[in-house]
Protein backbone atom coordinates (compact mmCIF):
# COMPACT_ATOMS: atom_id res chain seq x y z
CA MET A 1 -1.02 -13.11 -30.60
CA PRO A 2 1.15 -10.08 -31.44
CA ARG A 3 4.87 -10.48 -31.41
CA ARG A 4 7.00 -8.59 -28.97
CA LYS A 5 9.15 -5.88 -30.50
CA LYS A 6 12.86 -6.50 -30.60
CA VAL A 7 15.02 -4.04 -28.71
CA GLU A 8 16.47 -2.61 -31.91
CA ASN A 9 12.99 -1.85 -33.23
CA LEU A 10 11.96 0.19 -30.19
CA SER A 11 11.71 3.93 -30.42
CA LEU A 12 13.82 6.07 -28.12
CA GLU A 13 10.76 6.81 -25.99
CA GLU A 14 9.99 3.11 -25.67
CA MET A 15 13.61 2.39 -24.79
CA LEU A 16 13.49 5.09 -22.13
CA MET A 17 10.27 3.68 -20.67
CA LYS A 18 11.78 0.19 -20.61
CA THR A 19 14.95 1.46 -18.95
CA GLU A 20 12.99 3.39 -16.33
CA GLN A 21 10.95 0.27 -15.55
CA GLU A 22 14.15 -1.75 -15.16
CA ILE A 23 15.45 0.92 -12.76
CA LYS A 24 12.28 0.69 -10.66
CA THR A 25 12.50 -3.10 -10.57
CA THR A 26 16.16 -3.02 -9.61
CA GLU A 27 15.52 -0.43 -6.90
CA ALA A 28 12.78 -2.62 -5.43
CA GLU A 29 15.11 -5.63 -5.46
CA LEU A 30 17.86 -3.56 -3.81
CA LYS A 31 15.44 -2.41 -1.12
CA GLU A 32 14.48 -6.03 -0.41
CA LEU A 33 18.13 -7.09 -0.25
CA ARG A 34 18.97 -4.27 2.16
CA LEU A 35 16.07 -5.29 4.39
CA LYS A 36 17.21 -8.92 4.30
CA ALA A 37 20.77 -7.88 5.21
CA LYS A 38 19.45 -5.78 8.10
CA GLU A 39 17.40 -8.71 9.41
CA LEU A 40 20.41 -11.03 9.16
CA ARG A 41 22.60 -8.54 11.04
CA LYS A 42 19.97 -8.41 13.79
CA LYS A 43 19.84 -12.21 14.02
CA ILE A 44 23.64 -12.38 14.27
CA GLU A 45 23.63 -9.73 17.00
CA ASP A 46 20.89 -11.55 18.93
CA LYS A 47 22.80 -14.83 18.67
CA GLN A 48 25.96 -13.19 19.96
CA LYS A 49 24.05 -11.67 22.89
CA ASP A 50 22.60 -15.09 23.73
CA GLU A 51 26.07 -16.65 23.62
CA ILE A 52 27.49 -13.97 25.92
CA PHE A 53 24.62 -14.35 28.36
CA SER A 54 24.97 -18.16 28.37
CA ALA A 55 28.70 -17.81 29.06
CA LEU A 56 27.93 -15.41 31.92
CA LEU A 57 25.48 -17.84 33.47
CA ALA A 58 27.87 -20.77 33.03
CA SER A 59 30.72 -18.84 34.66
CA GLY A 60 28.87 -18.50 37.94
CA LYS A 61 29.95 -14.87 38.13
CA THR A 62 27.63 -11.96 38.78
CA VAL A 63 27.07 -9.25 36.23
CA GLU A 64 28.97 -6.83 38.48
CA GLU A 65 31.98 -9.17 38.64
CA VAL A 66 32.07 -9.53 34.87
CA MET A 67 31.69 -5.77 34.34
CA THR A 68 34.55 -5.10 36.80
CA TYR A 69 36.73 -7.58 34.93
CA LEU A 70 35.91 -6.03 31.55
CA ARG A 71 36.72 -2.52 32.77
CA LYS A 72 40.28 -3.52 33.73
């Protein structure tokens, strides 16, 4: 089985190719992390909406009454 070249033995072209591959990998990871963050933000927002709606129902007030109160 051939041995893998050490970094110092790589040619400039090979180093460039390796660096470009690392960039692609990192960009893909960044894209996944951004998507995960977006999904988490959505879940937080949905949870907050549910909490507000539950509080509205528990208050016994109508939507109109709550909206009037919030506009004050």
